[in-house]
Structure formats: C-alpha cells, structure tokens
C-alpha cells in the first residue's frame, strides 16, 4: 500500500473511533471524506494492524477490505453529508482551531483608480 494511502486511512480510522464514541442519538452523519480512503483499500486483502482492528471494532484477523466495508457501510443510507464544521462540532478534534477561518477585511484597493 502506498504510504500516503495508509496515512489517510489511519486518519479516517481515528475519526471513525471518535465518531463511534458519540452516542448514536447524538452522532452526526458520517462524513463523505471517508469514501476516498475506503475505496482505495476496498480490494486489499492484507491484514490490518491489530491497533486499527481494535479502533474499528473488527476482529484481529480483519483485512483492509473489511475496514473499507465498515467505513462505506457507515455512509450507506445517508441522504446528506455533514459539512466539516458540522462534523467537528460533535467530534473532539485536535486541529479544529486550524480549520476555523475568520473573516478578513476586504482589500479592493486594486480596483480603485
């Protein structure tokens, strides 16, 4: 597996574990950005690391393909996907401050004579 794909999947696995920790009644819809990493490994029959299996709630002998099925299954039946801000409000994120963009003053001096 390409190292970038593995890194992306690990990030999604961490998010999935945080998402599952929220009670089902309070849990936001699964985010659409899980699709890409899940689709990248959907046919990979290589065994997942044990730590990833535990975070996903899969048996120790699970494969990357099993992880993809689980992640894609969390998206099934959803009629809408959350925006990143909607998702991160309920999931404790270490980088939420970085994603918060604050309004900047308008600089339209280039258009003035």
Protein backbone atom coordinates (compact mmCIF):
# COMPACT_ATOMS: atom_id res chain seq x y z
CA UNK A 1 0.00 0.00 0.00
CA UNK A 2 1.23 3.48 -0.82
CA UNK A 3 2.35 5.33 2.35
CA UNK A 4 0.03 8.27 1.61
CA UNK A 5 -2.98 5.97 1.30
CA UNK A 6 -2.04 4.28 4.56
CA UNK A 7 -1.70 7.63 6.32
CA UNK A 8 -5.10 8.77 5.03
CA UNK A 9 -6.73 5.54 6.17
CA UNK A 10 -5.18 5.85 9.63
CA UNK A 11 -6.61 9.37 9.94
CA UNK A 12 -10.06 8.08 8.96
CA UNK A 13 -9.79 5.20 11.43
CA UNK A 14 -9.03 7.69 14.21
CA UNK A 15 -12.02 9.82 13.19
CA UNK A 16 -14.24 6.76 13.00
CA UNK A 17 -13.27 5.74 16.54
CA UNK A 18 -14.09 9.24 17.82
CA UNK A 19 -17.33 9.27 15.86
CA UNK A 20 -18.39 5.90 17.32
CA UNK A 21 -17.70 7.18 20.84
CA UNK A 22 -20.62 9.61 20.46
CA UNK A 23 -23.97 8.14 21.43
CA UNK A 24 -25.96 7.12 18.38
CA UNK A 25 -28.73 9.63 19.08
CA UNK A 26 -26.19 12.48 19.17
CA UNK A 27 -23.88 11.21 16.41
CA UNK A 28 -23.71 13.33 13.24
CA UNK A 29 -23.88 11.64 9.84
CA UNK A 30 -20.64 10.00 8.74
CA UNK A 31 -18.52 12.41 6.72
CA UNK A 32 -18.18 11.93 2.97
CA UNK A 33 -14.39 12.33 3.07
CA UNK A 34 -14.22 8.74 4.41
CA UNK A 35 -15.15 7.47 0.92
CA UNK A 36 -11.81 8.07 -0.76
CA UNK A 37 -9.57 6.20 1.69
CA UNK A 38 -12.14 3.40 1.99
CA UNK A 39 -12.40 2.99 -1.77
CA UNK A 40 -8.60 2.94 -2.06
CA UNK A 41 -8.38 -0.22 0.08
CA UNK A 42 -11.68 -1.94 -0.75
CA UNK A 43 -9.96 -4.78 -2.64
CA UNK A 44 -6.87 -5.11 -0.43
CA UNK A 45 -6.85 -8.48 1.34
CA UNK A 46 -3.83 -7.60 3.51
CA UNK A 47 -4.33 -7.88 7.27
CA UNK A 48 -4.95 -4.66 9.18
CA UNK A 49 -2.67 -3.82 12.09
CA UNK A 50 -4.16 -5.04 15.39
CA UNK A 51 -4.48 -1.49 16.73
CA UNK A 52 -6.59 -0.48 13.71
CA UNK A 53 -8.78 -3.56 14.15
CA UNK A 54 -9.45 -2.61 17.78
CA UNK A 55 -10.29 1.02 16.94
CA UNK A 56 -12.72 -0.11 14.25
CA UNK A 57 -14.24 -2.85 16.41
CA UNK A 58 -13.17 -5.55 13.94
CA UNK A 59 -11.70 -8.97 14.78
CA UNK A 60 -7.89 -9.24 14.87
CA UNK A 61 -7.77 -11.09 11.54
CA UNK A 62 -9.62 -8.31 9.67
CA UNK A 63 -8.31 -7.03 6.36
CA UNK A 64 -8.17 -3.59 4.78
CA UNK A 65 -11.11 -4.74 2.67
CA UNK A 66 -13.10 -5.40 5.86
CA UNK A 67 -12.26 -1.91 7.09
CA UNK A 68 -13.45 -0.42 3.79
CA UNK A 69 -16.76 -2.30 4.04
CA UNK A 70 -17.27 -0.98 7.57
CA UNK A 71 -16.48 2.62 6.61
CA UNK A 72 -18.61 2.54 3.48
CA UNK A 73 -21.41 0.88 5.47
CA UNK A 74 -21.41 3.84 7.86
CA UNK A 75 -22.22 6.07 4.87
CA UNK A 76 -24.98 3.85 3.48
CA UNK A 77 -28.49 5.20 3.65
CA UNK A 78 -27.48 8.77 4.37
CA UNK A 79 -29.35 11.33 2.32
CA UNK A 80 -26.99 14.17 3.20
CA UNK A 81 -23.41 14.56 4.32
CA UNK A 82 -22.23 16.94 7.04
CA UNK A 83 -20.03 19.91 6.30
CA UNK A 84 -16.66 19.68 8.03
CA UNK A 85 -17.73 22.21 10.67
CA UNK A 86 -20.92 20.29 11.47
CA UNK A 87 -18.94 17.10 11.91
CA UNK A 88 -16.16 18.59 14.02
CA UNK A 89 -18.54 20.25 16.48
CA UNK A 90 -19.52 16.87 17.86
CA UNK A 91 -16.21 15.05 17.40
CA UNK A 92 -13.38 16.30 19.56
CA UNK A 93 -10.70 17.33 17.10
CA UNK A 94 -7.15 18.42 17.82
CA UNK A 95 -6.98 20.53 14.67
CA UNK A 96 -10.35 22.30 14.82
CA UNK A 97 -8.72 25.64 15.61
CA UNK A 98 -6.68 25.40 12.44
CA UNK A 99 -9.77 24.83 10.31
CA UNK A 100 -11.62 27.84 11.72
CA UNK A 101 -11.30 30.60 9.17
CA UNK A 102 -12.05 34.08 10.38
CA UNK A 103 -13.39 36.84 8.13
CA UNK A 104 -10.69 39.04 6.68
CA UNK A 105 -11.10 42.71 5.83
CA UNK A 106 -11.85 43.28 2.18
CA UNK A 107 -8.96 44.65 0.16
CA UNK A 108 -10.35 46.02 -3.05
CA UNK A 109 -7.70 48.72 -3.46
CA UNK A 110 -6.63 47.12 -6.73
CA UNK A 111 -9.97 48.14 -8.23
CA UNK A 112 -9.84 51.80 -7.16
CA UNK A 113 -8.44 54.47 -9.51
